[in-house]
N, C-alpha and C. Protein backbone atom coordinates (compact mmCIF):
# COMPACT_ATOMS: atom_id res chain seq x y z
N MET A 1 -59.66 71.21 86.05
CA MET A 1 -60.80 70.46 85.58
C MET A 1 -60.63 70.08 84.10
N ARG A 2 -60.08 71.00 83.34
CA ARG A 2 -59.88 70.74 81.92
C ARG A 2 -58.95 69.55 81.70
N TYR A 3 -57.90 69.43 82.51
CA TYR A 3 -56.95 68.33 82.37
C TYR A 3 -57.59 66.99 82.71
N ILE A 4 -58.48 67.00 83.68
CA ILE A 4 -59.19 65.76 84.02
C ILE A 4 -60.06 65.33 82.86
N PHE A 5 -60.75 66.29 82.23
CA PHE A 5 -61.57 65.98 81.07
C PHE A 5 -60.74 65.40 79.93
N ILE A 6 -59.59 66.01 79.66
CA ILE A 6 -58.71 65.52 78.59
C ILE A 6 -58.21 64.13 78.92
N LEU A 7 -57.82 63.90 80.15
CA LEU A 7 -57.36 62.58 80.57
C LEU A 7 -58.47 61.54 80.42
N MET A 8 -59.68 61.90 80.81
CA MET A 8 -60.81 60.96 80.67
C MET A 8 -61.07 60.65 79.20
N MET A 9 -60.96 61.65 78.34
CA MET A 9 -61.19 61.42 76.91
C MET A 9 -60.12 60.50 76.32
N LEU A 10 -58.88 60.72 76.70
CA LEU A 10 -57.80 59.87 76.20
C LEU A 10 -57.97 58.43 76.65
N MET A 11 -58.40 58.23 77.85
CA MET A 11 -58.55 56.87 78.39
C MET A 11 -59.78 56.17 77.83
N SER A 12 -60.73 56.91 77.27
CA SER A 12 -61.96 56.30 76.77
C SER A 12 -61.81 55.70 75.38
N PHE A 13 -60.80 56.09 74.65
CA PHE A 13 -60.60 55.56 73.30
C PHE A 13 -59.92 54.21 73.37
N SER A 14 -60.47 53.25 72.64
CA SER A 14 -59.82 51.94 72.60
C SER A 14 -58.66 52.00 71.62
N VAL A 15 -57.59 51.33 71.98
CA VAL A 15 -56.41 51.32 71.12
C VAL A 15 -56.21 49.89 70.62
N HIS A 16 -56.11 49.73 69.32
CA HIS A 16 -55.81 48.43 68.75
C HIS A 16 -55.11 48.63 67.41
N ALA A 17 -54.30 47.68 67.09
CA ALA A 17 -53.58 47.76 65.82
C ALA A 17 -54.44 47.13 64.74
N GLU A 18 -54.38 47.70 63.57
CA GLU A 18 -55.11 47.16 62.44
C GLU A 18 -54.28 46.08 61.75
N TRP A 19 -54.92 45.04 61.29
CA TRP A 19 -54.25 44.01 60.53
C TRP A 19 -53.92 44.56 59.14
N ILE A 20 -52.71 44.31 58.67
CA ILE A 20 -52.27 44.73 57.35
C ILE A 20 -52.25 43.51 56.44
N ALA A 21 -52.93 43.59 55.31
CA ALA A 21 -53.01 42.46 54.38
C ALA A 21 -51.63 42.18 53.79
N ARG A 22 -51.25 40.90 53.77
CA ARG A 22 -49.98 40.46 53.19
C ARG A 22 -50.20 39.48 52.04
N GLY A 23 -51.46 39.25 51.66
CA GLY A 23 -51.79 38.33 50.57
C GLY A 23 -52.13 36.95 51.06
N ASP A 24 -52.89 36.21 50.25
CA ASP A 24 -53.29 34.82 50.57
C ASP A 24 -53.91 34.68 51.95
N ASN A 25 -54.80 35.60 52.32
CA ASN A 25 -55.47 35.56 53.63
C ASN A 25 -54.51 35.59 54.79
N VAL A 26 -53.36 36.24 54.63
CA VAL A 26 -52.38 36.42 55.70
C VAL A 26 -52.29 37.91 56.00
N TYR A 27 -52.31 38.25 57.28
CA TYR A 27 -52.28 39.63 57.73
C TYR A 27 -51.23 39.77 58.82
N SER A 28 -50.73 40.98 59.05
CA SER A 28 -49.74 41.20 60.10
C SER A 28 -50.08 42.43 60.92
N LYS A 29 -49.55 42.47 62.14
CA LYS A 29 -49.66 43.65 63.01
C LYS A 29 -48.62 43.53 64.12
N ASP A 30 -48.48 44.57 64.89
CA ASP A 30 -47.55 44.61 66.04
C ASP A 30 -46.13 44.22 65.64
N ILE A 31 -45.62 44.85 64.61
CA ILE A 31 -44.27 44.57 64.14
C ILE A 31 -43.26 45.33 65.00
N GLU A 32 -42.27 44.62 65.51
CA GLU A 32 -41.19 45.24 66.28
C GLU A 32 -39.86 44.88 65.62
N LEU A 33 -39.05 45.89 65.34
CA LEU A 33 -37.74 45.71 64.74
C LEU A 33 -36.70 46.14 65.77
N ASN A 34 -35.87 45.22 66.23
CA ASN A 34 -34.87 45.53 67.25
C ASN A 34 -33.47 45.32 66.66
N ARG A 35 -32.84 46.42 66.27
CA ARG A 35 -31.52 46.34 65.64
C ARG A 35 -30.45 45.89 66.63
N THR A 36 -30.62 46.21 67.93
CA THR A 36 -29.64 45.82 68.93
C THR A 36 -29.51 44.31 69.04
N THR A 37 -30.64 43.61 69.10
CA THR A 37 -30.63 42.15 69.20
C THR A 37 -30.72 41.48 67.84
N GLU A 38 -30.94 42.27 66.78
CA GLU A 38 -31.13 41.77 65.41
C GLU A 38 -32.31 40.79 65.34
N ARG A 39 -33.38 41.14 66.05
CA ARG A 39 -34.59 40.33 66.04
C ARG A 39 -35.78 41.15 65.57
N VAL A 40 -36.67 40.47 64.90
CA VAL A 40 -37.95 41.08 64.52
C VAL A 40 -39.06 40.22 65.10
N SER A 41 -40.12 40.89 65.55
CA SER A 41 -41.30 40.20 66.08
C SER A 41 -42.50 40.67 65.29
N VAL A 42 -43.45 39.78 65.10
CA VAL A 42 -44.64 40.12 64.33
C VAL A 42 -45.76 39.15 64.71
N GLN A 43 -46.99 39.65 64.69
CA GLN A 43 -48.15 38.78 64.81
C GLN A 43 -48.71 38.56 63.41
N LEU A 44 -48.92 37.32 63.06
CA LEU A 44 -49.42 36.96 61.73
C LEU A 44 -50.75 36.24 61.89
N LEU A 45 -51.74 36.69 61.15
CA LEU A 45 -53.07 36.11 61.17
C LEU A 45 -53.29 35.33 59.88
N VAL A 46 -53.68 34.07 60.01
CA VAL A 46 -54.04 33.25 58.85
C VAL A 46 -55.54 33.04 58.94
N ASP A 47 -56.25 33.54 57.96
CA ASP A 47 -57.71 33.55 58.02
C ASP A 47 -58.33 32.70 56.91
N ASP A 48 -57.73 31.58 56.58
CA ASP A 48 -58.30 30.77 55.52
C ASP A 48 -58.86 29.44 56.03
N LEU A 49 -59.08 29.35 57.31
CA LEU A 49 -59.67 28.15 57.88
C LEU A 49 -61.19 28.28 57.84
N VAL A 50 -61.90 27.17 57.82
CA VAL A 50 -63.35 27.20 57.77
C VAL A 50 -63.89 27.73 59.09
N ASP A 51 -64.41 28.94 59.06
CA ASP A 51 -65.00 29.60 60.23
C ASP A 51 -64.07 29.67 61.43
N SER A 52 -62.78 29.70 61.22
CA SER A 52 -61.81 29.89 62.30
C SER A 52 -60.56 30.55 61.74
N SER A 53 -59.64 30.89 62.63
CA SER A 53 -58.41 31.55 62.19
C SER A 53 -57.28 31.23 63.17
N LEU A 54 -56.06 31.44 62.72
CA LEU A 54 -54.87 31.24 63.55
C LEU A 54 -54.11 32.55 63.66
N VAL A 55 -53.64 32.86 64.86
CA VAL A 55 -52.77 34.01 65.04
C VAL A 55 -51.44 33.47 65.57
N HIS A 56 -50.37 33.76 64.85
CA HIS A 56 -49.02 33.33 65.22
C HIS A 56 -48.25 34.56 65.70
N HIS A 57 -47.65 34.48 66.88
CA HIS A 57 -46.72 35.54 67.29
C HIS A 57 -45.33 34.97 67.04
N MET A 58 -44.67 35.48 66.01
CA MET A 58 -43.39 34.94 65.56
C MET A 58 -42.24 35.90 65.88
N GLN A 59 -41.05 35.32 66.09
CA GLN A 59 -39.82 36.09 66.20
C GLN A 59 -38.82 35.49 65.23
N TYR A 60 -38.03 36.37 64.61
CA TYR A 60 -37.00 35.95 63.69
C TYR A 60 -35.68 36.57 64.09
N GLN A 61 -34.63 35.76 64.10
CA GLN A 61 -33.28 36.25 64.34
C GLN A 61 -32.66 36.52 62.98
N CYS A 62 -32.21 37.75 62.76
CA CYS A 62 -31.68 38.15 61.46
C CYS A 62 -30.16 38.26 61.50
N GLU A 63 -29.55 38.05 60.36
CA GLU A 63 -28.12 38.24 60.19
C GLU A 63 -27.87 38.63 58.74
N ASN A 64 -27.24 39.77 58.53
CA ASN A 64 -26.95 40.26 57.16
C ASN A 64 -28.21 40.31 56.30
N ARG A 65 -29.27 40.85 56.85
CA ARG A 65 -30.53 41.08 56.14
C ARG A 65 -31.35 39.83 55.85
N VAL A 66 -31.01 38.71 56.40
CA VAL A 66 -31.81 37.50 56.19
C VAL A 66 -32.09 36.81 57.52
N PRO A 67 -33.26 36.18 57.65
CA PRO A 67 -33.56 35.43 58.87
C PRO A 67 -32.75 34.14 58.92
N ILE A 68 -32.17 33.85 60.09
CA ILE A 68 -31.41 32.61 60.24
C ILE A 68 -32.08 31.66 61.22
N LYS A 69 -32.86 32.20 62.17
CA LYS A 69 -33.60 31.38 63.12
C LYS A 69 -35.00 31.96 63.28
N GLU A 70 -35.90 31.10 63.73
CA GLU A 70 -37.26 31.54 63.99
C GLU A 70 -37.82 30.80 65.20
N ARG A 71 -38.80 31.44 65.83
CA ARG A 71 -39.49 30.74 66.90
C ARG A 71 -40.92 31.25 66.97
N THR A 72 -41.78 30.36 67.40
CA THR A 72 -43.17 30.71 67.63
C THR A 72 -43.29 31.05 69.10
N VAL A 73 -43.58 32.31 69.41
CA VAL A 73 -43.78 32.71 70.80
C VAL A 73 -45.09 32.10 71.31
N TRP A 74 -46.13 32.22 70.51
CA TRP A 74 -47.39 31.54 70.79
C TRP A 74 -48.22 31.47 69.51
N VAL A 75 -49.13 30.49 69.51
CA VAL A 75 -50.11 30.34 68.42
C VAL A 75 -51.47 30.18 69.08
N ALA A 76 -52.44 30.88 68.57
CA ALA A 76 -53.80 30.77 69.09
C ALA A 76 -54.75 30.47 67.94
N ARG A 77 -55.55 29.46 68.12
CA ARG A 77 -56.59 29.13 67.13
C ARG A 77 -57.91 29.69 67.66
N TYR A 78 -58.52 30.54 66.84
CA TYR A 78 -59.76 31.19 67.23
C TYR A 78 -60.94 30.55 66.52
N GLU A 79 -62.07 30.49 67.21
CA GLU A 79 -63.28 29.91 66.61
C GLU A 79 -63.84 30.79 65.50
N GLY A 80 -63.58 32.09 65.55
CA GLY A 80 -64.11 33.02 64.54
C GLY A 80 -63.06 33.45 63.54
N ARG A 81 -63.52 34.14 62.51
CA ARG A 81 -62.64 34.68 61.49
C ARG A 81 -61.90 35.89 62.03
N MET A 82 -60.75 36.24 61.46
CA MET A 82 -59.97 37.44 61.79
C MET A 82 -59.59 37.52 63.27
N GLY A 83 -59.27 36.38 63.89
CA GLY A 83 -58.81 36.38 65.28
C GLY A 83 -59.87 36.76 66.28
N THR A 84 -61.10 36.33 66.04
CA THR A 84 -62.20 36.64 66.96
C THR A 84 -62.79 35.35 67.52
N GLY A 85 -63.54 35.48 68.57
CA GLY A 85 -64.20 34.31 69.16
C GLY A 85 -63.32 33.66 70.23
N ASP A 86 -63.77 32.54 70.72
CA ASP A 86 -63.05 31.83 71.78
C ASP A 86 -61.76 31.23 71.25
N VAL A 87 -60.73 31.21 72.11
CA VAL A 87 -59.45 30.61 71.77
C VAL A 87 -59.56 29.11 71.98
N ILE A 88 -59.17 28.34 70.97
CA ILE A 88 -59.25 26.89 71.05
C ILE A 88 -57.92 26.28 71.47
N TYR A 89 -56.79 26.83 71.01
CA TYR A 89 -55.49 26.18 71.19
C TYR A 89 -54.39 27.23 71.28
N VAL A 90 -53.49 27.08 72.24
CA VAL A 90 -52.40 28.03 72.39
C VAL A 90 -51.12 27.26 72.69
N LYS A 91 -49.99 27.60 72.05
CA LYS A 91 -48.71 26.94 72.33
C LYS A 91 -47.55 27.81 71.87
N GLY A 92 -46.36 27.47 72.29
CA GLY A 92 -45.15 28.14 71.85
C GLY A 92 -44.12 27.11 71.42
N ALA A 93 -42.98 27.55 70.91
CA ALA A 93 -41.95 26.62 70.44
C ALA A 93 -40.58 27.27 70.61
N PRO A 94 -39.52 26.47 70.72
CA PRO A 94 -38.16 27.02 70.86
C PRO A 94 -37.61 27.51 69.52
N TRP A 95 -36.43 28.15 69.56
CA TRP A 95 -35.76 28.59 68.35
C TRP A 95 -35.40 27.40 67.47
N VAL A 96 -35.62 27.53 66.19
CA VAL A 96 -35.25 26.50 65.21
C VAL A 96 -34.62 27.23 64.01
N PRO A 97 -33.84 26.52 63.19
CA PRO A 97 -33.30 27.15 61.98
C PRO A 97 -34.45 27.64 61.09
N PHE A 98 -34.24 28.77 60.44
CA PHE A 98 -35.24 29.35 59.56
C PHE A 98 -35.48 28.42 58.38
N GLU A 99 -36.76 28.17 58.08
CA GLU A 99 -37.12 27.32 56.95
C GLU A 99 -38.10 28.06 56.06
N ASP A 100 -38.08 27.69 54.79
CA ASP A 100 -39.02 28.26 53.84
C ASP A 100 -40.43 27.85 54.24
N SER A 101 -41.32 28.83 54.40
CA SER A 101 -42.69 28.56 54.79
C SER A 101 -43.60 29.59 54.17
N ARG A 102 -44.84 29.56 54.55
CA ARG A 102 -45.82 30.52 54.06
C ARG A 102 -45.45 31.95 54.45
N PHE A 103 -44.70 32.09 55.56
CA PHE A 103 -44.34 33.40 56.07
C PHE A 103 -42.94 33.85 55.67
N SER A 104 -42.25 33.10 54.85
CA SER A 104 -40.85 33.39 54.51
C SER A 104 -40.63 34.79 53.94
N LEU A 105 -41.45 35.17 52.98
CA LEU A 105 -41.26 36.47 52.34
C LEU A 105 -41.49 37.61 53.34
N ILE A 106 -42.45 37.43 54.24
CA ILE A 106 -42.70 38.44 55.27
C ILE A 106 -41.47 38.56 56.18
N ALA A 107 -40.92 37.41 56.62
CA ALA A 107 -39.76 37.41 57.51
C ALA A 107 -38.56 38.08 56.84
N ILE A 108 -38.31 37.77 55.59
CA ILE A 108 -37.18 38.35 54.86
C ILE A 108 -37.36 39.86 54.73
N LYS A 109 -38.56 40.32 54.39
CA LYS A 109 -38.82 41.75 54.27
C LYS A 109 -38.62 42.46 55.61
N LEU A 110 -39.05 41.84 56.71
CA LEU A 110 -38.87 42.47 58.02
C LEU A 110 -37.40 42.59 58.38
N CYS A 111 -36.60 41.58 58.07
CA CYS A 111 -35.16 41.66 58.34
C CYS A 111 -34.52 42.77 57.52
N ILE A 112 -34.90 42.90 56.27
CA ILE A 112 -34.38 43.97 55.41
C ILE A 112 -34.79 45.32 55.98
N ASP A 113 -36.05 45.46 56.39
CA ASP A 113 -36.53 46.72 56.96
C ASP A 113 -35.77 47.09 58.22
N MET A 114 -35.43 46.10 59.03
CA MET A 114 -34.69 46.37 60.26
C MET A 114 -33.32 46.98 59.95
N TYR A 115 -32.63 46.44 58.97
CA TYR A 115 -31.32 46.96 58.58
C TYR A 115 -31.42 48.33 57.91
N LYS A 116 -32.56 48.63 57.28
CA LYS A 116 -32.75 49.94 56.66
C LYS A 116 -32.83 51.03 57.71
N GLN A 117 -33.19 50.70 58.96
CA GLN A 117 -33.29 51.68 60.01
C GLN A 117 -31.98 52.43 60.21
N ASP A 118 -30.85 51.75 60.01
CA ASP A 118 -29.53 52.37 60.17
C ASP A 118 -29.28 53.47 59.17
N SER A 119 -29.85 53.33 57.98
CA SER A 119 -29.58 54.28 56.91
C SER A 119 -30.44 55.53 57.02
N LYS A 120 -31.40 55.55 57.94
CA LYS A 120 -32.27 56.73 58.09
C LYS A 120 -31.68 57.75 59.02
């Protein structure tokens, strides 16, 4: 009976990742660093739109600690701030060469962090 109670308690808690501030109304969560494929994945929230926000699920292909390619797995435009409310628009895109953008510093830091995993 005790195990059933513990299981019920564990299942009752909601699990969600907290957005981490990255500056300029940009936040991140769900970061995955895969050294085998040399790819990093991250969800980026841009919350500077008038009463709406964008969530980008991005992937970056890294080589020698720098991103060389990027792709948008999906983008969702939300009617509310901080990724809340109804979704207005969703799309994805193929791999393209990495370009300097609003997310460049985040992508570069993630690639560096992925390579640091080897030294631990």
